[in-house]
PDB file of N, CA and C in Angstrom:
ATOM      1  N   MET A   1      96.662  87.712  66.974  1.00  0.00           N
ATOM      2  CA  MET A   1      96.593  88.779  68.222  1.00  0.00           C
ATOM      3  C   MET A   1      97.564  88.825  68.575  1.00  0.00           C
ATOM      4  N   LYS A   2      98.203  90.125  69.084  1.00  0.00           N
ATOM      5  CA  LYS A   2      99.286  90.290  69.804  1.00  0.00           C
ATOM      6  C   LYS A   2      98.658  90.462  71.235  1.00  0.00           C
ATOM      7  N   THR A   3      99.499  89.994  72.496  1.00  0.00           N
ATOM      8  CA  THR A   3      99.214  90.224  73.734  1.00  0.00           C
ATOM      9  C   THR A   3     100.210  91.075  74.332  1.00  0.00           C
ATOM     10  N   ILE A   4      99.697  92.282  74.938  1.00  0.00           N
ATOM     11  CA  ILE A   4     100.678  93.109  75.485  1.00  0.00           C
ATOM     12  C   ILE A   4     100.346  93.209  76.944  1.00  0.00           C
ATOM     13  N   LEU A   5     101.415  93.045  77.754  1.00  0.00           N
ATOM     14  CA  LEU A   5     101.266  93.500  79.261  1.00  0.00           C
ATOM     15  C   LEU A   5     102.340  94.295  79.605  1.00  0.00           C
ATOM     16  N   GLY A   6     102.074  95.683  80.337  1.00  0.00           N
ATOM     17  CA  GLY A   6     102.907  96.876  80.617  1.00  0.00           C
ATOM     18  C   GLY A   6     102.499  96.959  81.962  1.00  0.00           C
ATOM     19  N   LEU A   7     103.504  97.062  82.881  1.00  0.00           N
ATOM     20  CA  LEU A   7     102.928  97.278  84.322  1.00  0.00           C
ATOM     21  C   LEU A   7     104.003  98.363  84.836  1.00  0.00           C
ATOM     22  N   THR A   8     103.489  99.115  85.594  1.00  0.00           N
ATOM     23  CA  THR A   8     104.148 100.198  86.124  1.00  0.00           C
ATOM     24  C   THR A   8     103.310 100.544  87.463  1.00  0.00           C
ATOM     25  N   ALA A   9     104.244 100.965  88.525  1.00  0.00           N
ATOM     26  CA  ALA A   9     103.571 101.364  89.854  1.00  0.00           C
ATOM     27  C   ALA A   9     103.429 102.964  90.045  1.00  0.00           C
ATOM     28  N   THR A  10     103.969 103.645  88.934  1.00  0.00           N
ATOM     29  CA  THR A  10     104.018 105.009  89.169  1.00  0.00           C
ATOM     30  C   THR A  10     103.738 106.057  87.836  1.00  0.00           C
ATOM     31  N   ALA A  11     103.385 105.375  87.041  1.00  0.00           N
ATOM     32  CA  ALA A  11     102.998 106.178  85.738  1.00  0.00           C
ATOM     33  C   ALA A  11     101.703 107.012  86.012  1.00  0.00           C
ATOM     34  N   THR A  12     101.716 108.556  85.588  1.00  0.00           N
ATOM     35  CA  THR A  12     100.510 109.176  85.489  1.00  0.00           C
ATOM     36  C   THR A  12      99.776 108.920  84.490  1.00  0.00           C
ATOM     37  N   LEU A  13      98.365 109.225  84.676  1.00  0.00           N
ATOM     38  CA  LEU A  13      97.516 108.976  83.327  1.00  0.00           C
ATOM     39  C   LEU A  13      97.939 109.508  82.079  1.00  0.00           C
ATOM     40  N   ARG A  14      98.637 110.652  81.951  1.00  0.00           N
ATOM     41  CA  ARG A  14      99.035 111.192  80.871  1.00  0.00           C
ATOM     42  C   ARG A  14     100.325 110.002  80.139  1.00  0.00           C
ATOM     43  N   THR A  15     100.854 109.859  81.361  1.00  0.00           N
ATOM     44  CA  THR A  15     101.992 108.900  80.888  1.00  0.00           C
ATOM     45  C   THR A  15     101.316 107.467  80.139  1.00  0.00           C
ATOM     46  N   CYS A  16     100.670 106.830  80.910  1.00  0.00           N
ATOM     47  CA  CYS A  16      99.931 105.800  80.375  1.00  0.00           C
ATOM     48  C   CYS A  16      99.282 106.000  79.182  1.00  0.00           C
ATOM     49  N   ASN A  17      98.829 107.065  78.997  1.00  0.00           N
ATOM     50  CA  ASN A  17      98.037 107.446  77.615  1.00  0.00           C
ATOM     51  C   ASN A  17      99.166 107.519  76.418  1.00  0.00           C
ATOM     52  N   ASP A  18     100.256 108.060  76.713  1.00  0.00           N
ATOM     53  CA  ASP A  18     101.216 108.277  75.806  1.00  0.00           C
ATOM     54  C   ASP A  18     101.974 106.942  75.545  1.00  0.00           C
ATOM     55  N   ILE A  19     102.051 105.970  76.509  1.00  0.00           N
ATOM     56  CA  ILE A  19     102.340 104.538  75.983  1.00  0.00           C
ATOM     57  C   ILE A  19     101.401 103.901  75.261  1.00  0.00           C
ATOM     58  N   CYS A  20     100.025 104.025  75.711  1.00  0.00           N
ATOM     59  CA  CYS A  20      99.096 103.371  74.693  1.00  0.00           C
ATOM     60  C   CYS A  20      99.366 104.077  73.309  1.00  0.00           C
ATOM     61  N   ASP A  21      99.524 105.226  73.336  1.00  0.00           N
ATOM     62  CA  ASP A  21      99.476 105.860  71.851  1.00  0.00           C
ATOM     63  C   ASP A  21     100.797 105.312  71.243  1.00  0.00           C
ATOM     64  N   HIS A  22     101.935 105.186  71.928  1.00  0.00           N
ATOM     65  CA  HIS A  22     102.988 104.753  71.237  1.00  0.00           C
ATOM     66  C   HIS A  22     103.110 103.259  70.809  1.00  0.00           C
ATOM     67  N   LEU A  23     102.270 102.535  71.427  1.00  0.00           N
ATOM     68  CA  LEU A  23     102.018 101.132  71.315  1.00  0.00           C
ATOM     69  C   LEU A  23     100.909 100.799  70.201  1.00  0.00           C
ATOM     70  N   GLN A  24     100.288 101.658  70.001  1.00  0.00           N
ATOM     71  CA  GLN A  24      99.130 101.960  69.244  1.00  0.00           C
ATOM     72  C   GLN A  24      98.039 100.905  69.530  1.00  0.00           C
ATOM     73  N   ILE A  25      97.668 101.037  70.885  1.00  0.00           N
ATOM     74  CA  ILE A  25      96.584 100.345  71.502  1.00  0.00           C
ATOM     75  C   ILE A  25      95.768 101.190  72.216  1.00  0.00           C
ATOM     76  N   SER A  26      94.506 100.958  72.309  1.00  0.00           N
ATOM     77  CA  SER A  26      93.098 101.716  73.011  1.00  0.00           C
ATOM     78  C   SER A  26      93.575 101.920  74.438  1.00  0.00           C
ATOM     79  N   ALA A  27      93.730 103.125  74.958  1.00  0.00           N
ATOM     80  CA  ALA A  27      93.831 103.415  76.693  1.00  0.00           C
ATOM     81  C   ALA A  27      92.662 102.976  77.191  1.00  0.00           C
ATOM     82  N   ASP A  28      91.459 102.527  76.526  1.00  0.00           N
ATOM     83  CA  ASP A  28      90.353 102.217  77.178  1.00  0.00           C
ATOM     84  C   ASP A  28      90.815 100.820  77.505  1.00  0.00           C
ATOM     85  N   THR A  29      91.593 100.087  77.163  1.00  0.00           N
ATOM     86  CA  THR A  29      91.915  98.389  77.601  1.00  0.00           C
ATOM     87  C   THR A  29      92.927  98.612  78.948  1.00  0.00           C
ATOM     88  N   ALA A  30      93.288  99.775  79.108  1.00  0.00           N
ATOM     89  CA  ALA A  30      94.293  99.974  80.389  1.00  0.00           C
ATOM     90  C   ALA A  30      93.557  99.910  81.491  1.00  0.00           C
ATOM     91  N   VAL A  31      94.087  99.042  82.649  1.00  0.00           N
ATOM     92  CA  VAL A  31      93.511  98.800  83.908  1.00  0.00           C
ATOM     93  C   VAL A  31      94.292  99.454  84.691  1.00  0.00           C
ATOM     94  N   ARG A  32      93.738 100.357  85.491  1.00  0.00           N
ATOM     95  CA  ARG A  32      94.587 101.411  86.404  1.00  0.00           C
ATOM     96  C   ARG A  32      93.945 101.025  88.004  1.00  0.00           C
ATOM     97  N   GLY A  33      94.965 100.909  88.800  1.00  0.00           N
ATOM     98  CA  GLY A  33      94.560 100.911  90.175  1.00  0.00           C
ATOM     99  C   GLY A  33      94.509 101.962  91.113  1.00  0.00           C
ATOM    100  N   GLU A  34      94.983 101.977  92.266  1.00  0.00           N
ATOM    101  CA  GLU A  34      94.808 103.325  93.133  1.00  0.00           C
ATOM    102  C   GLU A  34      96.252 103.973  92.594  1.00  0.00           C
ATOM    103  N   ILE A  35      95.797 105.387  92.813  1.00  0.00           N
ATOM    104  CA  ILE A  35      97.255 106.285  92.448  1.00  0.00           C
ATOM    105  C   ILE A  35      98.060 106.091  93.588  1.00  0.00           C
ATOM    106  N   PHE A  36      97.662 105.858  94.746  1.00  0.00           N
ATOM    107  CA  PHE A  36      98.655 105.897  95.830  1.00  0.00           C
ATOM    108  C   PHE A  36      98.073 104.541  96.622  1.00  0.00           C
ATOM    109  N   PRO A  37      98.515 103.258  96.559  1.00  0.00           N
ATOM    110  CA  PRO A  37      98.279 102.231  97.309  1.00  0.00           C
ATOM    111  C   PRO A  37      98.214 102.388  98.893  1.00  0.00           C
ATOM    112  N   THR A  38      97.297 101.735  99.530  1.00  0.00           N
ATOM    113  CA  THR A  38      97.182 102.242 100.982  1.00  0.00           C
ATOM    114  C   THR A  38      98.368 101.256 101.743  1.00  0.00           C
ATOM    115  N   ASN A  39      98.884 100.487 101.270  1.00  0.00           N
ATOM    116  CA  ASN A  39     100.077  99.730 101.754  1.00  0.00           C
ATOM    117  C   ASN A  39     101.367 100.429 101.909  1.00  0.00           C
ATOM    118  N   LEU A  40     101.362 101.540 101.318  1.00  0.00           N
ATOM    119  CA  LEU A  40     102.637 102.165 101.020  1.00  0.00           C
ATOM    120  C   LEU A  40     102.734 103.503 102.020  1.00  0.00           C
ATOM    121  N   GLN A  41     104.002 103.749 102.600  1.00  0.00           N
ATOM    122  CA  GLN A  41     104.126 104.808 103.352  1.00  0.00           C
ATOM    123  C   GLN A  41     105.471 105.674 102.752  1.00  0.00           C
ATOM    124  N   LEU A  42     105.315 106.753 102.308  1.00  0.00           N
ATOM    125  CA  LEU A  42     106.218 107.794 101.702  1.00  0.00           C
ATOM    126  C   LEU A  42     106.776 108.516 102.710  1.00  0.00           C
ATOM    127  N   SER A  43     108.151 108.964 102.883  1.00  0.00           N
ATOM    128  CA  SER A  43     108.864 109.924 103.716  1.00  0.00           C
ATOM    129  C   SER A  43     109.855 110.486 102.742  1.00  0.00           C
ATOM    130  N   VAL A  44     109.812 111.763 103.150  1.00  0.00           N
ATOM    131  CA  VAL A  44     110.840 112.532 102.350  1.00  0.00           C
ATOM    132  C   VAL A  44     111.647 113.712 103.282  1.00  0.00           C
ATOM    133  N   SER A  45     112.797 113.432 103.248  1.00  0.00           N
ATOM    134  CA  SER A  45     113.594 114.272 104.324  1.00  0.00           C
ATOM    135  C   SER A  45     114.553 115.293 103.430  1.00  0.00           C
ATOM    136  N   LYS A  46     114.701 116.436 104.246  1.00  0.00           N
ATOM    137  CA  LYS A  46     115.587 117.360 103.752  1.00  0.00           C
ATOM    138  C   LYS A  46     116.816 117.577 104.591  1.00  0.00           C
ATOM    139  N   ASP A  47     116.751 116.792 105.327  1.00  0.00           N
ATOM    140  CA  ASP A  47     117.814 116.721 106.386  1.00  0.00           C
ATOM    141  C   ASP A  47     119.274 116.838 106.064  1.00  0.00           C
ATOM    142  N   ILE A  48     120.082 117.745 106.596  1.00  0.00           N
ATOM    143  CA  ILE A  48     121.618 117.902 106.087  1.00  0.00           C
ATOM    144  C   ILE A  48     122.410 116.413 106.343  1.00  0.00           C
ATOM    145  N   ASN A  49     122.054 115.681 107.401  1.00  0.00           N
ATOM    146  CA  ASN A  49     122.600 114.411 107.399  1.00  0.00           C
ATOM    147  C   ASN A  49     121.812 113.291 107.213  1.00  0.00           C
ATOM    148  N   LYS A  50     121.781 112.939 106.152  1.00  0.00           N
ATOM    149  CA  LYS A  50     120.696 112.028 105.432  1.00  0.00           C
ATOM    150  C   LYS A  50     120.688 110.628 106.015  1.00  0.00           C
ATOM    151  N   ASP A  51     122.180 110.238 106.414  1.00  0.00           N
ATOM    152  CA  ASP A  51     122.166 108.975 106.935  1.00  0.00           C
ATOM    153  C   ASP A  51     121.610 108.878 108.342  1.00  0.00           C
ATOM    154  N   GLU A  52     121.986 109.900 108.938  1.00  0.00           N
ATOM    155  CA  GLU A  52     121.488 109.850 110.318  1.00  0.00           C
ATOM    156  C   GLU A  52     119.919 109.770 110.348  1.00  0.00           C
ATOM    157  N   ALA A  53     119.238 110.749 109.590  1.00  0.00           N
ATOM    158  CA  ALA A  53     117.791 110.939 109.525  1.00  0.00           C
ATOM    159  C   ALA A  53     117.163 109.679 109.017  1.00  0.00           C
ATOM    160  N   LEU A  54     117.967 109.024 108.134  1.00  0.00           N
ATOM    161  CA  LEU A  54     117.173 107.429 107.888  1.00  0.00           C
ATOM    162  C   LEU A  54     117.396 106.514 108.784  1.00  0.00           C
ATOM    163  N   LEU A  55     118.315 106.712 109.490  1.00  0.00           N
ATOM    164  CA  LEU A  55     118.577 105.689 110.973  1.00  0.00           C
ATOM    165  C   LEU A  55     117.593 106.086 111.746  1.00  0.00           C
ATOM    166  N   ALA A  56     117.195 107.282 111.984  1.00  0.00           N
ATOM    167  CA  ALA A  56     116.131 107.393 113.321  1.00  0.00           C
ATOM    168  C   ALA A  56     114.850 107.224 112.788  1.00  0.00           C
ATOM    169  N   LEU A  57     114.511 107.415 111.115  1.00  0.00           N
ATOM    170  CA  LEU A  57     113.268 106.817 110.948  1.00  0.00           C
ATOM    171  C   LEU A  57     113.043 105.591 110.654  1.00  0.00           C
ATOM    172  N   LEU A  58     113.973 104.717 110.297  1.00  0.00           N
ATOM    173  CA  LEU A  58     113.826 103.473 110.468  1.00  0.00           C
ATOM    174  C   LEU A  58     113.549 102.676 111.863  1.00  0.00           C
ATOM    175  N   ARG A  59     114.335 103.485 112.784  1.00  0.00           N
ATOM    176  CA  ARG A  59     114.083 103.174 114.100  1.00  0.00           C
ATOM    177  C   ARG A  59     112.623 103.833 114.940  1.00  0.00           C
ATOM    178  N   SER A  60     112.112 104.516 114.085  1.00  0.00           N
ATOM    179  CA  SER A  60     110.814 105.166 114.616  1.00  0.00           C
ATOM    180  C   SER A  60     109.585 104.093 114.672  1.00  0.00           C
ATOM    181  N   PRO A  61     108.674 104.393 115.656  1.00  0.00           N
ATOM    182  CA  PRO A  61     107.449 103.514 115.779  1.00  0.00           C
ATOM    183  C   PRO A  61     106.928 103.590 114.554  1.00  0.00           C
ATOM    184  N   ARG A  62     106.796 104.391 113.764  1.00  0.00           N
ATOM    185  CA  ARG A  62     106.162 104.545 112.216  1.00  0.00           C
ATOM    186  C   ARG A  62     106.475 103.219 111.480  1.00  0.00           C
ATOM    187  N   PHE A  63     107.767 102.801 111.529  1.00  0.00           N
ATOM    188  CA  PHE A  63     108.257 101.584 110.904  1.00  0.00           C
ATOM    189  C   PHE A  63     108.307 100.417 111.639  1.00  0.00           C
ATOM    190  N   ALA A  64     107.942 100.520 112.879  1.00  0.00           N
ATOM    191  CA  ALA A  64     108.243  99.185 113.819  1.00  0.00           C
ATOM    192  C   ALA A  64     107.374  98.121 113.375  1.00  0.00           C
ATOM    193  N   GLU A  65     106.404  98.095 112.723  1.00  0.00           N
ATOM    194  CA  GLU A  65     105.467  97.121 112.408  1.00  0.00           C
ATOM    195  C   GLU A  65     105.623  96.749 110.974  1.00  0.00           C
ATOM    196  N   CYS A  66     106.523  97.226 110.296  1.00  0.00           N
ATOM    197  CA  CYS A  66     106.628  96.702 108.897  1.00  0.00           C
ATOM    198  C   CYS A  66     107.333  95.564 108.634  1.00  0.00           C
ATOM    199  N   ASP A  67     106.868  94.691 107.635  1.00  0.00           N
ATOM    200  CA  ASP A  67     107.539  93.597 107.271  1.00  0.00           C
ATOM    201  C   ASP A  67     108.477  93.741 106.387  1.00  0.00           C
ATOM    202  N   SER A  68     108.641  94.879 105.554  1.00  0.00           N
ATOM    203  CA  SER A  68     109.522  94.839 104.729  1.00  0.00           C
ATOM    204  C   SER A  68     109.749  96.660 104.427  1.00  0.00           C
ATOM    205  N   ILE A  69     110.652  97.052 104.046  1.00  0.00           N
ATOM    206  CA  ILE A  69     110.791  98.472 103.765  1.00  0.00           C
ATOM    207  C   ILE A  69     111.873  98.568 102.264  1.00  0.00           C
ATOM    208  N   ILE A  70     111.319  99.416 101.707  1.00  0.00           N
ATOM    209  CA  ILE A  70     112.195  99.921 100.116  1.00  0.00           C
ATOM    210  C   ILE A  70     112.665 101.097 100.453  1.00  0.00           C
ATOM    211  N   ILE A  71     114.055 101.020 100.157  1.00  0.00           N
ATOM    212  CA  ILE A  71     114.633 102.395 100.056  1.00  0.00           C
ATOM    213  C   ILE A  71     115.153 102.719  99.002  1.00  0.00           C
ATOM    214  N   TYR A  72     114.871 103.809  97.949  1.00  0.00           N
ATOM    215  CA  TYR A  72     115.096 104.023  96.745  1.00  0.00           C
ATOM    216  C   TYR A  72     116.486 105.025  96.907  1.00  0.00           C
ATOM    217  N   CYS A  73     117.567 104.671  96.061  1.00  0.00           N
ATOM    218  CA  CYS A  73     118.604 105.359  95.905  1.00  0.00           C
ATOM    219  C   CYS A  73     118.720 105.849  94.509  1.00  0.00           C
ATOM    220  N   THR A  74     119.395 106.981  94.097  1.00  0.00           N
ATOM    221  CA  THR A  74     119.673 107.481  92.732  1.00  0.00           C
ATOM    222  C   THR A  74     120.703 106.751  92.008  1.00  0.00           C
ATOM    223  N   ARG A  75     121.628 106.381  92.929  1.00  0.00           N
ATOM    224  CA  ARG A  75     123.136 105.849  92.241  1.00  0.00           C
ATOM    225  C   ARG A  75     123.364 104.846  93.267  1.00  0.00           C
ATOM    226  N   ARG A  76     124.146 103.751  92.445  1.00  0.00           N
ATOM    227  CA  ARG A  76     124.598 102.425  92.893  1.00  0.00           C
ATOM    228  C   ARG A  76     125.605 102.535  94.023  1.00  0.00           C
ATOM    229  N   ASP A  77     126.606 103.700  93.984  1.00  0.00           N
ATOM    230  CA  ASP A  77     127.122 103.878  95.139  1.00  0.00           C
ATOM    231  C   ASP A  77     126.440 104.507  96.372  1.00  0.00           C
ATOM    232  N   ASP A  78     125.420 104.914  96.201  1.00  0.00           N
ATOM    233  CA  ASP A  78     124.489 105.334  97.271  1.00  0.00           C
ATOM    234  C   ASP A  78     123.700 104.414  97.978  1.00  0.00           C
ATOM    235  N   CYS A  79     123.417 103.259  97.023  1.00  0.00           N
ATOM    236  CA  CYS A  79     122.818 102.018  97.490  1.00  0.00           C
ATOM    237  C   CYS A  79     123.861 101.062  98.248  1.00  0.00           C
ATOM    238  N   MET A  80     124.886 100.997  97.965  1.00  0.00           N
ATOM    239  CA  MET A  80     126.169 100.297  98.484  1.00  0.00           C
ATOM    240  C   MET A  80     126.406 101.067 100.160  1.00  0.00           C
ATOM    241  N   ARG A  81     126.551 102.443 100.167  1.00  0.00           N
ATOM    242  CA  ARG A  81     126.878 103.018 101.248  1.00  0.00           C
ATOM    243  C   ARG A  81     125.670 102.821 102.094  1.00  0.00           C
ATOM    244  N   VAL A  82     124.361 103.464 101.767  1.00  0.00           N
ATOM    245  CA  VAL A  82     123.130 102.949 102.639  1.00  0.00           C
ATOM    246  C   VAL A  82     123.268 101.573 103.147  1.00  0.00           C
ATOM    247  N   ALA A  83     123.253 100.820 102.394  1.00  0.00           N
ATOM    248  CA  ALA A  83     123.242  99.227 102.615  1.00  0.00           C
ATOM    249  C   ALA A  83     124.030  98.859 104.055  1.00  0.00           C
ATOM    250  N   THR A  84     125.241  99.423 103.597  1.00  0.00           N
ATOM    251  CA  THR A  84     126.472  99.377 104.763  1.00  0.00           C
ATOM    252  C   THR A  84     125.984  99.927 106.134  1.00  0.00           C
ATOM    253  N   ILE A  85     125.373 101.164 105.914  1.00  0.00           N
ATOM    254  CA  ILE A  85     125.218 101.952 106.989  1.00  0.00           C
ATOM    255  C   ILE A  85     124.056 101.173 107.779  1.00  0.00           C
ATOM    256  N   ILE A  86     123.074 100.741 107.058  1.00  0.00           N
ATOM    257  CA  ILE A  86     121.988  99.886 107.833  1.00  0.00           C
ATOM    258  C   ILE A  86     122.334  98.666 108.341  1.00  0.00           C
ATOM    259  N   ARG A  87     123.175  97.892 107.586  1.00  0.00           N
ATOM    260  CA  ARG A  87     123.590  96.649 108.111  1.00  0.00           C
ATOM    261  C   ARG A  87     124.318  96.726 109.608  1.00  0.00           C
ATOM    262  N   ILE A  88     125.346  97.692 109.345  1.00  0.00           N
ATOM    263  CA  ILE A  88     126.267  97.802 110.503  1.00  0.00           C
ATOM    264  C   ILE A  88     125.513  98.540 111.763  1.00  0.00           C
ATOM    265  N   ARG A  89     124.915  99.741 111.535  1.00  0.00           N
ATOM    266  CA  ARG A  89     124.494 100.664 112.554  1.00  0.00           C
ATOM    267  C   ARG A  89     123.057 100.097 112.929  1.00  0.00           C
ATOM    268  N   LEU A  90     122.244  99.441 112.183  1.00  0.00           N
ATOM    269  CA  LEU A  90     120.727  98.942 112.911  1.00  0.00           C
ATOM    270  C   LEU A  90     121.071  97.691 113.177  1.00  0.00           C
ATOM    271  N   GLN A  91     122.231  96.747 113.083  1.00  0.00           N
ATOM    272  CA  GLN A  91     122.285  95.522 113.896  1.00  0.00           C
ATOM    273  C   GLN A  91     122.986  95.882 115.094  1.00  0.00           C
ATOM    274  N   VAL A  92     123.893  96.876 115.162  1.00  0.00           N
ATOM    275  CA  VAL A  92     124.288  97.163 116.347  1.00  0.00           C
ATOM    276  C   VAL A  92     123.347  97.838 117.528  1.00  0.00           C
ATOM    277  N   SER A  93     122.206  98.598 117.069  1.00  0.00           N
ATOM    278  CA  SER A  93     121.278  99.047 117.609  1.00  0.00           C
ATOM    279  C   SER A  93     120.047  97.961 118.152  1.00  0.00           C
ATOM    280  N   MET A  94     120.066  96.917 117.285  1.00  0.00           N
ATOM    281  CA  MET A  94     119.282  96.104 117.477  1.00  0.00           C
ATOM    282  C   MET A  94     119.773  95.163 118.650  1.00  0.00           C
ATOM    283  N   LYS A  95     121.119  94.889 118.917  1.00  0.00           N
ATOM    284  CA  LYS A  95     121.677  94.033 119.529  1.00  0.00           C
ATOM    285  C   LYS A  95     121.798  94.775 121.113  1.00  0.00           C
ATOM    286  N   THR A  96     121.882  96.137 121.089  1.00  0.00           N
ATOM    287  CA  THR A  96     121.982  96.750 122.459  1.00  0.00           C
ATOM    288  C   THR A  96     120.706  97.163 123.108  1.00  0.00           C
ATOM    289  N   PRO A  97     120.662  96.396 124.275  1.00  0.00           N
ATOM    290  CA  PRO A  97     119.201  96.929 124.841  1.00  0.00           C
ATOM    291  C   PRO A  97     118.941  98.105 125.165  1.00  0.00           C
ATOM    292  N   SER A  98     117.694  98.550 125.186  1.00  0.00           N
ATOM    293  CA  SER A  98     117.255 100.044 125.382  1.00  0.00           C
ATOM    294  C   SER A  98     117.360 100.391 126.820  1.00  0.00           C
TER     295      SER A  98
END
């Protein structure tokens, strides 16, 4: 007997069913959790200056109590740029008294 484990945090029900069809397993065996976990906070920005908007959001009270934050970027160079901005700009603001 084969054992298959597939994990995803973002697949829709349709996608899960498609995956089950492709793997030739019953969709009844799939275990699904919450569509949007309560421990996640999502934010979307259409700001022209995305870097400043991100820094403002990270400094906001909304994220003050977060133990960790995940920032998704679509390209590796964006990840490197955002990481550098956060490292430099947030370290400076954290050291500067309000």
